[in-house]
């Protein structure tokens, strides 16, 4: 937990530093539509090299803070998941592809948590339809939010900052409507009320000066039950988790995250080894 807290503090520190750089660069500059030389300068992505960063390691970190003015989630999937999935992942092209992704989630939930949701139909997986399994509620969802900061550190002691970025994704979830004790799978433990088991795929797009950057797709699924945080038995609107993560750029790794649902904020740190 101390390591997790330290990582999140580093992300927050990056935000402050990045905000300071943005403020200083904006002073004395014209607008992007002024046609002045400042427009070209403003369109240089914010990159910074630190010779004293101290990350003498084979690991790469990819971290970010995501927020939204309202809820970023959409649970009303009248048209199903095919078209949104095609926009996120170019490898998904047909209804059969979406159903295959759904069946992968069904198999993962059974293997990892010993929760059997195999009676879900192909149509329910395709549409992301809500379905109840005892104290667990299954559904599909979309997410569309703003990434206020993304930072990347590398073994060569380079730190990159990116702004004006969108986080668009979708996934499947099992939401606990009451406390559930999970046993018999790879994970054993209490899944408190308001906790979630999920599998999510997201596309991170940078709108910084309309630069065409390498497509970045991230897939995550929790190693535990994405536990809800309680104080005196009352849910405080926050969840933390440790998840396995796959990046189309950096490969496999682990993610440490926290999200606040009252005013939506999601902070994550991904750690990749030997990308």
Protein backbone atom coordinates (compact mmCIF):
# COMPACT_ATOMS: atom_id res chain seq x y z
CA UNK A 1 0.00 0.00 0.00
CA UNK A 2 2.92 2.36 0.72
CA UNK A 3 4.32 1.70 -2.77
CA UNK A 4 0.90 2.34 -4.32
CA UNK A 5 0.50 5.62 -2.40
CA UNK A 6 3.98 6.75 -3.41
CA UNK A 7 3.31 6.06 -7.07
CA UNK A 8 0.11 8.07 -7.01
CA UNK A 9 1.88 10.94 -5.28
CA UNK A 10 4.42 10.95 -8.10
CA UNK A 11 1.61 11.24 -10.64
CA UNK A 12 0.09 14.16 -8.74
CA UNK A 13 3.51 15.82 -8.59
CA UNK A 14 3.77 15.46 -12.36
CA UNK A 15 0.45 17.30 -12.70
CA UNK A 16 1.70 20.25 -10.69
CA UNK A 17 4.94 20.44 -12.66
CA UNK A 18 3.18 20.09 -15.98
CA UNK A 19 0.64 22.75 -15.05
CA UNK A 20 3.47 25.11 -14.14
CA UNK A 21 5.14 24.54 -17.48
CA UNK A 22 1.87 25.13 -19.32
CA UNK A 23 1.23 28.38 -17.47
CA UNK A 24 4.71 29.74 -18.13
CA UNK A 25 4.56 28.87 -21.80
CA UNK A 26 1.19 30.47 -22.33
CA UNK A 27 2.34 33.90 -21.11
CA UNK A 28 3.07 36.38 -23.89
CA UNK A 29 1.83 34.07 -26.64
CA UNK A 30 -0.87 34.72 -29.16
CA UNK A 31 -3.76 32.41 -29.88
CA UNK A 32 -3.34 29.30 -32.03
CA UNK A 33 -5.29 31.07 -34.76
CA UNK A 34 -3.18 34.22 -34.79
CA UNK A 35 -0.78 32.90 -37.43
CA UNK A 36 2.21 34.02 -35.36
CA UNK A 37 5.35 32.02 -34.68
CA UNK A 38 4.01 31.32 -31.19
CA UNK A 39 1.47 29.00 -32.79
CA UNK A 40 4.25 26.73 -34.00
CA UNK A 41 5.95 26.85 -30.62
CA UNK A 42 2.72 26.00 -28.84
CA UNK A 43 2.29 22.93 -31.03
CA UNK A 44 5.49 21.33 -29.80
CA UNK A 45 4.52 18.41 -27.51
CA UNK A 46 5.80 18.90 -24.00
CA UNK A 47 8.84 16.68 -23.57
CA UNK A 48 11.41 16.98 -20.84
CA UNK A 49 14.65 15.13 -20.21
CA UNK A 50 15.96 14.77 -16.68
CA UNK A 51 19.58 13.74 -16.19
CA UNK A 52 18.96 13.22 -12.46
CA UNK A 53 15.66 11.34 -12.65
CA UNK A 54 17.21 8.33 -10.93
CA UNK A 55 15.14 5.64 -12.65
CA UNK A 56 18.04 3.22 -13.12
CA UNK A 57 15.81 0.29 -14.04
CA UNK A 58 14.65 -1.79 -16.96
CA UNK A 59 11.08 -0.67 -16.33
CA UNK A 60 8.89 1.83 -18.14
CA UNK A 61 6.08 3.64 -16.33
CA UNK A 62 3.05 5.04 -18.12
CA UNK A 63 0.86 7.08 -15.78
CA UNK A 64 -2.12 9.37 -16.05
CA UNK A 65 -4.96 11.26 -14.43
CA UNK A 66 -8.37 11.06 -16.07
CA UNK A 67 -11.43 13.12 -15.23
CA UNK A 68 -14.87 14.03 -16.53
CA UNK A 69 -17.30 16.88 -15.96
CA UNK A 70 -20.04 14.32 -15.33
CA UNK A 71 -20.12 10.56 -15.23
CA UNK A 72 -17.91 9.22 -18.04
CA UNK A 73 -19.88 5.97 -18.18
CA UNK A 74 -22.70 5.04 -20.51
CA UNK A 75 -24.70 1.95 -19.56
CA UNK A 76 -27.52 2.48 -22.08
CA UNK A 77 -26.25 0.51 -25.04
CA UNK A 78 -29.20 0.57 -27.40
CA UNK A 79 -27.00 -0.18 -30.41
CA UNK A 80 -24.83 -2.73 -28.62
CA UNK A 81 -21.05 -2.92 -28.44
CA UNK A 82 -20.00 -3.65 -32.02
CA UNK A 83 -19.64 -0.13 -33.41
CA UNK A 84 -17.98 1.31 -30.25
CA UNK A 85 -15.60 -1.66 -30.15
CA UNK A 86 -14.62 -1.17 -33.80
CA UNK A 87 -13.72 2.45 -33.01
CA UNK A 88 -11.44 1.41 -30.15
CA UNK A 89 -9.83 -1.76 -31.50
CA UNK A 90 -9.17 -2.13 -35.25
CA UNK A 91 -8.89 -5.92 -34.81
CA UNK A 92 -12.58 -6.15 -33.88
CA UNK A 93 -14.63 -6.07 -37.07
CA UNK A 94 -17.66 -8.35 -36.66
CA UNK A 95 -20.31 -9.38 -34.16
CA UNK A 96 -18.46 -12.68 -33.81
CA UNK A 97 -15.35 -10.77 -32.69
CA UNK A 98 -17.31 -8.98 -29.94
CA UNK A 99 -18.88 -12.23 -28.79
CA UNK A 100 -15.42 -13.83 -28.65
CA UNK A 101 -14.25 -10.97 -26.41
CA UNK A 102 -17.29 -11.54 -24.22
CA UNK A 103 -16.60 -15.26 -23.93
CA UNK A 104 -13.03 -14.44 -22.91
CA UNK A 105 -14.41 -12.33 -20.05
CA UNK A 106 -16.76 -15.17 -19.04
CA UNK A 107 -13.82 -17.61 -18.96
CA UNK A 108 -11.64 -15.18 -16.99
CA UNK A 109 -14.31 -14.58 -14.36
CA UNK A 110 -14.70 -18.34 -13.89
CA UNK A 111 -10.97 -19.09 -13.71
CA UNK A 112 -9.94 -16.12 -11.57
CA UNK A 113 -12.95 -15.74 -9.26
CA UNK A 114 -14.92 -18.99 -9.69
CA UNK A 115 -18.02 -17.06 -10.73
CA UNK A 116 -20.06 -18.87 -13.36
CA UNK A 117 -21.78 -16.54 -15.84
CA UNK A 118 -21.59 -18.97 -18.75
CA UNK A 119 -25.36 -18.84 -19.29
CA UNK A 120 -24.98 -15.39 -20.84
CA UNK A 121 -26.20 -15.60 -24.42
CA UNK A 122 -24.28 -14.37 -27.44
CA UNK A 123 -26.86 -11.62 -27.88
CA UNK A 124 -26.44 -10.46 -24.26
CA UNK A 125 -22.68 -10.26 -24.74
CA UNK A 126 -23.09 -8.42 -28.03
CA UNK A 127 -25.54 -5.90 -26.58
CA UNK A 128 -23.92 -5.62 -23.12
CA UNK A 129 -27.30 -6.43 -21.59
CA UNK A 130 -27.80 -6.26 -17.84
CA UNK A 131 -28.17 -9.66 -16.15
CA UNK A 132 -28.28 -10.64 -12.46
CA UNK A 133 -26.28 -13.53 -11.00
CA UNK A 134 -27.19 -13.71 -7.32
CA UNK A 135 -25.54 -10.71 -5.64
CA UNK A 136 -23.66 -9.78 -8.82
CA UNK A 137 -24.96 -7.71 -11.70
CA UNK A 138 -23.45 -8.14 -15.20
CA UNK A 139 -23.49 -5.38 -17.80
CA UNK A 140 -21.50 -3.79 -20.59
CA UNK A 141 -20.46 -0.14 -20.61
CA UNK A 142 -18.77 2.65 -22.54
CA UNK A 143 -16.38 5.23 -21.10
CA UNK A 144 -15.42 8.61 -22.57
CA UNK A 145 -13.24 10.93 -20.48
CA UNK A 146 -10.45 13.50 -20.62
CA UNK A 147 -6.86 12.69 -19.76
CA UNK A 148 -5.46 15.74 -17.97
CA UNK A 149 -1.94 14.36 -17.88
CA UNK A 150 -0.05 11.38 -19.19
CA UNK A 151 3.58 10.91 -18.22
CA UNK A 152 6.05 8.30 -19.36
CA UNK A 153 9.39 7.46 -17.77
CA UNK A 154 11.97 5.20 -19.38
CA UNK A 155 15.22 3.48 -18.34
CA UNK A 156 17.09 6.20 -20.27
CA UNK A 157 15.81 8.73 -17.70
CA UNK A 158 13.44 10.41 -20.11
CA UNK A 159 10.15 11.90 -18.95
CA UNK A 160 7.49 12.82 -21.50
CA UNK A 161 4.30 14.75 -20.85
CA UNK A 162 1.21 14.73 -23.08
CA UNK A 163 -1.95 16.81 -22.77
CA UNK A 164 -5.27 17.34 -24.62
CA UNK A 165 -5.78 13.60 -24.68
CA UNK A 166 -8.96 11.48 -24.74
CA UNK A 167 -9.60 8.17 -23.00
CA UNK A 168 -12.27 6.21 -24.87
CA UNK A 169 -13.09 2.64 -24.02
CA UNK A 170 -15.61 -0.03 -23.19
CA UNK A 171 -15.87 -3.27 -21.33
CA UNK A 172 -17.80 -5.80 -19.30
CA UNK A 173 -18.38 -5.64 -15.56
CA UNK A 174 -19.73 -7.64 -12.63
CA UNK A 175 -20.97 -5.25 -9.95
CA UNK A 176 -21.58 -6.39 -6.34
CA UNK A 177 -24.97 -5.27 -5.02
CA UNK A 178 -24.09 -6.85 -1.65
CA UNK A 179 -21.05 -8.38 0.03
CA UNK A 180 -19.92 -11.58 -1.70
CA UNK A 181 -17.19 -13.96 -0.54
CA UNK A 182 -15.28 -15.36 -3.51
CA UNK A 183 -13.55 -18.73 -3.20
CA UNK A 184 -12.56 -21.69 -5.36
CA UNK A 185 -10.73 -19.71 -8.02
CA UNK A 186 -7.28 -18.16 -8.26
CA UNK A 187 -8.52 -15.31 -6.05
CA UNK A 188 -10.04 -15.81 -2.61
CA UNK A 189 -11.49 -12.97 -0.57
CA UNK A 190 -14.40 -10.71 0.21
CA UNK A 191 -15.92 -8.69 -2.61
CA UNK A 192 -17.58 -5.82 -0.74
CA UNK A 193 -20.78 -4.15 -1.83
CA UNK A 194 -20.07 -1.57 -4.61
CA UNK A 195 -16.99 -3.49 -5.81
CA UNK A 196 -16.46 -4.48 -9.44
CA UNK A 197 -14.85 -7.20 -11.51
CA UNK A 198 -14.30 -5.94 -15.03
CA UNK A 199 -12.38 -6.22 -18.30
CA UNK A 200 -11.78 -2.96 -20.18
CA UNK A 201 -10.18 -1.94 -23.43
CA UNK A 202 -9.43 1.72 -24.12
CA UNK A 203 -7.88 3.85 -26.81
CA UNK A 204 -5.74 6.82 -25.81
CA UNK A 205 -5.75 9.57 -28.44
CA UNK A 206 -3.78 12.78 -28.25
CA UNK A 207 -5.35 15.88 -29.76
CA UNK A 208 -2.22 17.95 -29.15
CA UNK A 209 -2.10 20.10 -32.29
CA UNK A 210 -3.76 17.28 -34.25
CA UNK A 211 -0.54 15.31 -34.30
CA UNK A 212 -0.83 11.79 -35.72
CA UNK A 213 0.65 9.63 -33.01
CA UNK A 214 1.08 5.89 -32.71
CA UNK A 215 -2.18 4.13 -31.88
CA UNK A 216 -2.18 3.20 -28.20
CA UNK A 217 -4.59 0.58 -26.92
CA UNK A 218 -4.65 -0.51 -23.28
CA UNK A 219 -6.45 -3.53 -21.86
CA UNK A 220 -6.94 -4.01 -18.11
CA UNK A 221 -8.59 -6.52 -15.83
CA UNK A 222 -8.27 -6.66 -12.03
CA UNK A 223 -6.29 -9.21 -10.09
CA UNK A 224 -8.72 -8.69 -7.18
CA UNK A 225 -12.27 -7.40 -6.90
CA UNK A 226 -11.63 -3.65 -7.45
CA UNK A 227 -12.63 -3.10 -3.82
CA UNK A 228 -14.89 -0.29 -2.67
CA UNK A 229 -13.40 1.79 0.14
CA UNK A 230 -15.52 1.97 3.30
CA UNK A 231 -15.36 4.20 6.38
CA UNK A 232 -17.43 2.96 9.32
CA UNK A 233 -19.26 0.69 6.92
CA UNK A 234 -20.19 3.52 4.53
CA UNK A 235 -18.98 3.61 0.92
CA UNK A 236 -16.93 6.79 0.37
CA UNK A 237 -17.21 6.79 -3.41
CA UNK A 238 -13.68 5.53 -4.06
CA UNK A 239 -12.27 2.26 -5.36
CA UNK A 240 -8.67 1.06 -5.58
CA UNK A 241 -7.24 -1.83 -7.49
CA UNK A 242 -4.28 -3.75 -8.81
CA UNK A 243 -4.74 -5.05 -12.33
CA UNK A 244 -2.92 -6.81 -15.08
CA UNK A 245 -2.46 -4.51 -18.06
CA UNK A 246 -1.52 -4.96 -21.71
CA UNK A 247 -0.36 -2.07 -23.88
CA UNK A 248 -0.08 -2.15 -27.67
CA UNK A 249 3.16 -0.16 -27.24
CA UNK A 250 4.75 -1.41 -24.02
CA UNK A 251 3.46 -4.98 -23.69
CA UNK A 252 2.40 -6.64 -20.44
CA UNK A 253 2.58 -5.05 -17.01
CA UNK A 254 0.74 -4.26 -13.80
CA UNK A 255 -1.50 -1.30 -13.02
CA UNK A 256 -2.12 0.42 -9.67
CA UNK A 257 -5.12 2.73 -9.66
CA UNK A 258 -7.66 4.68 -7.66
CA UNK A 259 -10.87 6.29 -8.84
CA UNK A 260 -13.32 8.67 -7.19
CA UNK A 261 -16.91 8.48 -8.39
CA UNK A 262 -18.55 11.51 -6.76
CA UNK A 263 -16.50 13.93 -8.86
CA UNK A 264 -14.98 11.51 -11.34
CA UNK A 265 -11.19 11.29 -11.12
CA UNK A 266 -9.17 8.22 -12.11
CA UNK A 267 -5.41 8.06 -11.46
CA UNK A 268 -3.35 5.16 -12.74
CA UNK A 269 0.26 4.00 -12.81
CA UNK A 270 1.24 1.27 -15.25
CA UNK A 271 4.59 -0.46 -14.80
CA UNK A 272 6.08 -2.39 -17.71
CA UNK A 273 9.26 -4.44 -17.60
CA UNK A 274 11.56 -4.89 -20.60
CA UNK A 275 9.17 -3.42 -23.21
